[in-house]
């Protein structure tokens, strides 16, 4: 039972800290735009430039000695 004398004040301090952090986040606009960051992932990037066929074509035939 004596452990409750230690755990209850610690839990109240943690709840108070969480409440203060939440109030700070709301006041500083952390919850203003929740939809746009999720949609940024779905937006397409710029199209990649077309790549030309860069396969090496032999210009000289090997000597058949």
PDB file of N, CA and C in Angstrom:
ATOM      1  N   UNK A   1       0.812  -1.199   0.000  1.00  0.00           N
ATOM      2  CA  UNK A   1       0.000   0.000   0.000  1.00  0.00           C
ATOM      3  C   UNK A   1       0.855   1.261   0.000  1.00  0.00           C
ATOM      4  N   UNK A   2       2.056   1.162   0.519  1.00  0.00           N
ATOM      5  CA  UNK A   2       2.891   2.361   0.554  1.00  0.00           C
ATOM      6  C   UNK A   2       3.367   2.746  -0.842  1.00  0.00           C
ATOM      7  N   UNK A   3       3.366   1.783  -1.755  1.00  0.00           N
ATOM      8  CA  UNK A   3       3.772   2.102  -3.123  1.00  0.00           C
ATOM      9  C   UNK A   3       2.783   3.061  -3.774  1.00  0.00           C
ATOM     10  N   UNK A   4       1.522   3.015  -3.336  1.00  0.00           N
ATOM     11  CA  UNK A   4       0.526   3.936  -3.876  1.00  0.00           C
ATOM     12  C   UNK A   4       0.851   5.382  -3.527  1.00  0.00           C
ATOM     13  N   UNK A   5       1.501   5.599  -2.387  1.00  0.00           N
ATOM     14  CA  UNK A   5       1.908   6.953  -2.021  1.00  0.00           C
ATOM     15  C   UNK A   5       2.959   7.494  -2.989  1.00  0.00           C
ATOM     16  N   UNK A   6       3.634   6.623  -3.673  1.00  0.00           N
ATOM     17  CA  UNK A   6       4.639   7.007  -4.662  1.00  0.00           C
ATOM     18  C   UNK A   6       4.035   7.073  -6.068  1.00  0.00           C
ATOM     19  N   UNK A   7       3.193   6.099  -6.410  1.00  0.00           N
ATOM     20  CA  UNK A   7       2.673   6.003  -7.770  1.00  0.00           C
ATOM     21  C   UNK A   7       1.587   7.029  -8.090  1.00  0.00           C
ATOM     22  N   UNK A   8       0.725   7.325  -7.133  1.00  0.00           N
ATOM     23  CA  UNK A   8      -0.364   8.273  -7.401  1.00  0.00           C
ATOM     24  C   UNK A   8       0.168   9.679  -7.696  1.00  0.00           C
ATOM     25  N   UNK A   9       1.084  10.235  -6.905  1.00  0.00           N
ATOM     26  CA  UNK A   9       1.613  11.557  -7.273  1.00  0.00           C
ATOM     27  C   UNK A   9       2.355  11.556  -8.609  1.00  0.00           C
ATOM     28  N   UNK A  10       3.082  10.485  -8.895  1.00  0.00           N
ATOM     29  CA  UNK A  10       3.791  10.428 -10.178  1.00  0.00           C
ATOM     30  C   UNK A  10       2.796  10.391 -11.334  1.00  0.00           C
ATOM     31  N   UNK A  11       1.723   9.630 -11.185  1.00  0.00           N
ATOM     32  CA  UNK A  11       0.727   9.571 -12.260  1.00  0.00           C
ATOM     33  C   UNK A  11       0.031  10.918 -12.429  1.00  0.00           C
ATOM     34  N   UNK A  12      -0.225  11.625 -11.341  1.00  0.00           N
ATOM     35  CA  UNK A  12      -0.839  12.951 -11.447  1.00  0.00           C
ATOM     36  C   UNK A  12       0.101  13.946 -12.126  1.00  0.00           C
ATOM     37  N   UNK A  13       1.381  13.847 -11.836  1.00  0.00           N
ATOM     38  CA  UNK A  13       2.365  14.715 -12.495  1.00  0.00           C
ATOM     39  C   UNK A  13       2.416  14.411 -13.990  1.00  0.00           C
ATOM     40  N   UNK A  14       2.384  13.137 -14.346  1.00  0.00           N
ATOM     41  CA  UNK A  14       2.424  12.764 -15.763  1.00  0.00           C
ATOM     42  C   UNK A  14       1.162  13.226 -16.494  1.00  0.00           C
ATOM     43  N   UNK A  15       0.001  13.130 -15.861  1.00  0.00           N
ATOM     44  CA  UNK A  15      -1.240  13.606 -16.473  1.00  0.00           C
ATOM     45  C   UNK A  15      -1.185  15.122 -16.657  1.00  0.00           C
ATOM     46  N   UNK A  16      -0.671  15.818 -15.664  1.00  0.00           N
ATOM     47  CA  UNK A  16      -0.532  17.269 -15.775  1.00  0.00           C
ATOM     48  C   UNK A  16       0.421  17.666 -16.890  1.00  0.00           C
ATOM     49  N   UNK A  17       1.531  16.946 -17.011  1.00  0.00           N
ATOM     50  CA  UNK A  17       2.491  17.240 -18.082  1.00  0.00           C
ATOM     51  C   UNK A  17       1.866  16.980 -19.448  1.00  0.00           C
ATOM     52  N   UNK A  18       1.121  15.892 -19.578  1.00  0.00           N
ATOM     53  CA  UNK A  18       0.462  15.594 -20.849  1.00  0.00           C
ATOM     54  C   UNK A  18      -0.561  16.666 -21.192  1.00  0.00           C
ATOM     55  N   UNK A  19      -1.294  17.144 -20.199  1.00  0.00           N
ATOM     56  CA  UNK A  19      -2.276  18.204 -20.441  1.00  0.00           C
ATOM     57  C   UNK A  19      -1.587  19.491 -20.874  1.00  0.00           C
ATOM     58  N   UNK A  20      -0.478  19.837 -20.233  1.00  0.00           N
ATOM     59  CA  UNK A  20       0.262  21.044 -20.618  1.00  0.00           C
ATOM     60  C   UNK A  20       0.819  20.933 -22.032  1.00  0.00           C
ATOM     61  N   UNK A  21       1.341  19.781 -22.387  1.00  0.00           N
ATOM     62  CA  UNK A  21       1.865  19.582 -23.742  1.00  0.00           C
ATOM     63  C   UNK A  21       0.743  19.685 -24.765  1.00  0.00           C
ATOM     64  N   UNK A  22      -0.420  19.134 -24.447  1.00  0.00           N
ATOM     65  CA  UNK A  22      -1.556  19.212 -25.361  1.00  0.00           C
ATOM     66  C   UNK A  22      -2.013  20.653 -25.543  1.00  0.00           C
ATOM     67  N   UNK A  23      -2.111  21.406 -24.456  1.00  0.00           N
ATOM     68  CA  UNK A  23      -2.520  22.811 -24.549  1.00  0.00           C
ATOM     69  C   UNK A  23      -1.504  23.603 -25.356  1.00  0.00           C
ATOM     70  N   UNK A  24      -0.220  23.351 -25.148  1.00  0.00           N
ATOM     71  CA  UNK A  24       0.814  24.044 -25.920  1.00  0.00           C
ATOM     72  C   UNK A  24       0.677  23.738 -27.410  1.00  0.00           C
ATOM     73  N   UNK A  25       0.428  22.481 -27.743  1.00  0.00           N
ATOM     74  CA  UNK A  25       0.312  22.091 -29.145  1.00  0.00           C
ATOM     75  C   UNK A  25      -0.896  22.744 -29.805  1.00  0.00           C
ATOM     76  N   UNK A  26      -1.999  22.831 -29.093  1.00  0.00           N
ATOM     77  CA  UNK A  26      -3.192  23.461 -29.661  1.00  0.00           C
ATOM     78  C   UNK A  26      -2.957  24.950 -29.861  1.00  0.00           C
ATOM     79  N   UNK A  27      -2.343  25.601 -28.909  1.00  0.00           N
ATOM     80  CA  UNK A  27      -2.102  27.048 -29.019  1.00  0.00           C
ATOM     81  C   UNK A  27      -1.093  27.394 -30.106  1.00  0.00           C
ATOM     82  N   UNK A  28      -0.179  26.508 -30.401  1.00  0.00           N
ATOM     83  CA  UNK A  28       0.835  26.786 -31.415  1.00  0.00           C
ATOM     84  C   UNK A  28       0.468  26.235 -32.786  1.00  0.00           C
ATOM     85  N   UNK A  29      -0.769  25.798 -32.961  1.00  0.00           N
ATOM     86  CA  UNK A  29      -1.251  25.418 -34.287  1.00  0.00           C
ATOM     87  C   UNK A  29      -0.785  24.073 -34.783  1.00  0.00           C
ATOM     88  N   UNK A  30      -0.442  23.176 -33.911  1.00  0.00           N
ATOM     89  CA  UNK A  30       0.021  21.868 -34.353  1.00  0.00           C
ATOM     90  C   UNK A  30      -1.100  21.022 -34.935  1.00  0.00           C
ATOM     91  N   UNK A  31      -2.346  21.364 -34.633  1.00  0.00           N
ATOM     92  CA  UNK A  31      -3.479  20.579 -35.111  1.00  0.00           C
ATOM     93  C   UNK A  31      -4.287  21.336 -36.159  1.00  0.00           C
ATOM     94  N   UNK A  32      -3.710  22.342 -36.798  1.00  0.00           N
ATOM     95  CA  UNK A  32      -4.447  23.150 -37.758  1.00  0.00           C
ATOM     96  C   UNK A  32      -4.760  22.399 -39.045  1.00  0.00           C
ATOM     97  N   UNK A  33      -3.792  21.758 -39.641  1.00  0.00           N
ATOM     98  CA  UNK A  33      -3.981  21.124 -40.946  1.00  0.00           C
ATOM     99  C   UNK A  33      -3.555  19.666 -40.848  1.00  0.00           C
ATOM    100  N   UNK A  34      -4.510  18.811 -40.570  1.00  0.00           N
ATOM    101  CA  UNK A  34      -4.196  17.394 -40.400  1.00  0.00           C
ATOM    102  C   UNK A  34      -4.355  16.604 -41.689  1.00  0.00           C
ATOM    103  N   UNK A  35      -5.029  17.169 -42.700  1.00  0.00           N
ATOM    104  CA  UNK A  35      -5.319  16.409 -43.916  1.00  0.00           C
ATOM    105  C   UNK A  35      -4.237  16.535 -44.980  1.00  0.00           C
ATOM    106  N   UNK A  36      -3.636  17.696 -45.131  1.00  0.00           N
ATOM    107  CA  UNK A  36      -2.693  17.908 -46.226  1.00  0.00           C
ATOM    108  C   UNK A  36      -1.458  17.012 -46.151  1.00  0.00           C
ATOM    109  N   UNK A  37      -0.801  16.830 -45.008  1.00  0.00           N
ATOM    110  CA  UNK A  37       0.370  15.948 -45.000  1.00  0.00           C
ATOM    111  C   UNK A  37       0.049  14.522 -45.427  1.00  0.00           C
ATOM    112  N   UNK A  38      -1.144  14.052 -45.131  1.00  0.00           N
ATOM    113  CA  UNK A  38      -1.510  12.698 -45.550  1.00  0.00           C
ATOM    114  C   UNK A  38      -1.709  12.632 -47.057  1.00  0.00           C
ATOM    115  N   UNK A  39      -2.157  13.718 -47.665  1.00  0.00           N
ATOM    116  CA  UNK A  39      -2.381  13.724 -49.110  1.00  0.00           C
ATOM    117  C   UNK A  39      -1.093  13.964 -49.889  1.00  0.00           C
ATOM    118  N   UNK A  40      -0.093  14.565 -49.258  1.00  0.00           N
ATOM    119  CA  UNK A  40       1.177  14.815 -49.947  1.00  0.00           C
ATOM    120  C   UNK A  40       1.820  13.522 -50.420  1.00  0.00           C
ATOM    121  N   UNK A  41       1.609  12.457 -49.707  1.00  0.00           N
ATOM    122  CA  UNK A  41       2.195  11.171 -50.077  1.00  0.00           C
ATOM    123  C   UNK A  41       1.579  10.665 -51.371  1.00  0.00           C
ATOM    124  N   UNK A  42       0.320  10.975 -51.585  1.00  0.00           N
ATOM    125  CA  UNK A  42      -0.384  10.444 -52.745  1.00  0.00           C
ATOM    126  C   UNK A  42      -0.154  11.251 -54.015  1.00  0.00           C
ATOM    127  N   UNK A  43       0.318  12.463 -53.875  1.00  0.00           N
ATOM    128  CA  UNK A  43       0.545  13.294 -55.059  1.00  0.00           C
ATOM    129  C   UNK A  43       1.698  12.734 -55.875  1.00  0.00           C
ATOM    130  N   UNK A  44       1.532  12.818 -57.190  1.00  0.00           N
ATOM    131  CA  UNK A  44       2.573  12.308 -58.085  1.00  0.00           C
ATOM    132  C   UNK A  44       3.728  13.292 -58.149  1.00  0.00           C
ATOM    133  N   UNK A  45       4.902  12.764 -58.329  1.00  0.00           N
ATOM    134  CA  UNK A  45       6.071  13.598 -58.549  1.00  0.00           C
ATOM    135  C   UNK A  45       6.080  14.040 -60.005  1.00  0.00           C
ATOM    136  N   UNK A  46       7.020  14.914 -60.334  1.00  0.00           N
ATOM    137  CA  UNK A  46       7.175  15.309 -61.724  1.00  0.00           C
ATOM    138  C   UNK A  46       7.545  14.083 -62.544  1.00  0.00           C
ATOM    139  N   UNK A  47       7.044  14.016 -63.782  1.00  0.00           N
ATOM    140  CA  UNK A  47       7.393  12.843 -64.590  1.00  0.00           C
ATOM    141  C   UNK A  47       8.893  12.799 -64.861  1.00  0.00           C
ATOM    142  N   UNK A  48       9.421  11.623 -64.848  1.00  0.00           N
ATOM    143  CA  UNK A  48      10.851  11.441 -65.095  1.00  0.00           C
ATOM    144  C   UNK A  48      11.142  11.725 -66.564  1.00  0.00           C
ATOM    145  N   UNK A  49      12.298  12.307 -66.854  1.00  0.00           N
ATOM    146  CA  UNK A  49      12.631  12.562 -68.261  1.00  0.00           C
ATOM    147  C   UNK A  49      12.779  11.247 -69.017  1.00  0.00           C
ATOM    148  N   UNK A  50      12.451  11.314 -70.303  1.00  0.00           N
ATOM    149  CA  UNK A  50      12.559  10.102 -71.118  1.00  0.00           C
ATOM    150  C   UNK A  50      14.021   9.706 -71.245  1.00  0.00           C
ATOM    151  N   UNK A  51      14.250   8.429 -71.118  1.00  0.00           N
ATOM    152  CA  UNK A  51      15.607   7.931 -71.260  1.00  0.00           C
ATOM    153  C   UNK A  51      15.743   7.308 -72.644  1.00  0.00           C
ATOM    154  N   UNK A  52      16.821   7.651 -73.295  1.00  0.00           N
ATOM    155  CA  UNK A  52      17.085   7.082 -74.609  1.00  0.00           C
ATOM    156  C   UNK A  52      17.705   5.705 -74.437  1.00  0.00           C
ATOM    157  N   UNK A  53      17.569   4.902 -75.442  1.00  0.00           N
ATOM    158  CA  UNK A  53      18.144   3.563 -75.398  1.00  0.00           C
ATOM    159  C   UNK A  53      19.665   3.706 -75.380  1.00  0.00           C
ATOM    160  N   UNK A  54      20.267   3.344 -74.294  1.00  0.00           N
ATOM    161  CA  UNK A  54      21.716   3.490 -74.158  1.00  0.00           C
ATOM    162  C   UNK A  54      22.421   2.145 -74.254  1.00  0.00           C
ATOM    163  N   UNK A  55      21.735   1.191 -74.843  1.00  0.00           N
ATOM    164  CA  UNK A  55      22.366  -0.121 -74.992  1.00  0.00           C
ATOM    165  C   UNK A  55      23.555   0.019 -75.938  1.00  0.00           C
ATOM    166  N   UNK A  56      24.648  -0.564 -75.556  1.00  0.00           N
ATOM    167  CA  UNK A  56      25.862  -0.461 -76.365  1.00  0.00           C
ATOM    168  C   UNK A  56      25.711  -1.309 -77.622  1.00  0.00           C
ATOM    169  N   UNK A  57      25.938  -0.668 -78.723  1.00  0.00           N
ATOM    170  CA  UNK A  57      25.921  -1.400 -79.995  1.00  0.00           C
ATOM    171  C   UNK A  57      27.356  -1.455 -80.492  1.00  0.00           C
ATOM    172  N   UNK A  58      27.822  -2.625 -80.782  1.00  0.00           N
ATOM    173  CA  UNK A  58      29.218  -2.728 -81.228  1.00  0.00           C
ATOM    174  C   UNK A  58      29.390  -2.060 -82.594  1.00  0.00           C
ATOM    175  N   UNK A  59      30.421  -1.225 -82.690  1.00  0.00           N
ATOM    176  CA  UNK A  59      30.696  -0.551 -83.956  1.00  0.00           C
ATOM    177  C   UNK A  59      31.766  -1.294 -84.738  1.00  0.00           C
ATOM    178  N   UNK A  60      32.563  -2.050 -84.042  1.00  0.00           N
ATOM    179  CA  UNK A  60      33.601  -2.829 -84.717  1.00  0.00           C
ATOM    180  C   UNK A  60      33.385  -4.296 -84.421  1.00  0.00           C
ATOM    181  N   UNK A  61      33.656  -5.100 -85.404  1.00  0.00           N
ATOM    182  CA  UNK A  61      33.549  -6.537 -85.206  1.00  0.00           C
ATOM    183  C   UNK A  61      34.887  -7.044 -84.688  1.00  0.00           C
ATOM    184  N   UNK A  62      34.855  -7.990 -83.777  1.00  0.00           N
ATOM    185  CA  UNK A  62      36.131  -8.524 -83.283  1.00  0.00           C
ATOM    186  C   UNK A  62      36.864  -9.285 -84.396  1.00  0.00           C
ATOM    187  N   UNK A  63      38.173  -9.224 -84.325  1.00  0.00           N
ATOM    188  CA  UNK A  63      38.993  -9.938 -85.314  1.00  0.00           C
ATOM    189  C   UNK A  63      38.833 -11.435 -85.116  1.00  0.00           C
ATOM    190  N   UNK A  64      38.622 -12.129 -86.210  1.00  0.00           N
ATOM    191  CA  UNK A  64      38.490 -13.589 -86.158  1.00  0.00           C
ATOM    192  C   UNK A  64      39.749 -14.189 -86.758  1.00  0.00           C
ATOM    193  N   UNK A  65      40.822 -14.204 -86.032  1.00  0.00           N
ATOM    194  CA  UNK A  65      42.088 -14.760 -86.548  1.00  0.00           C
ATOM    195  C   UNK A  65      42.145 -16.232 -86.386  1.00  0.00           C
TER     196      UNK A  65
END
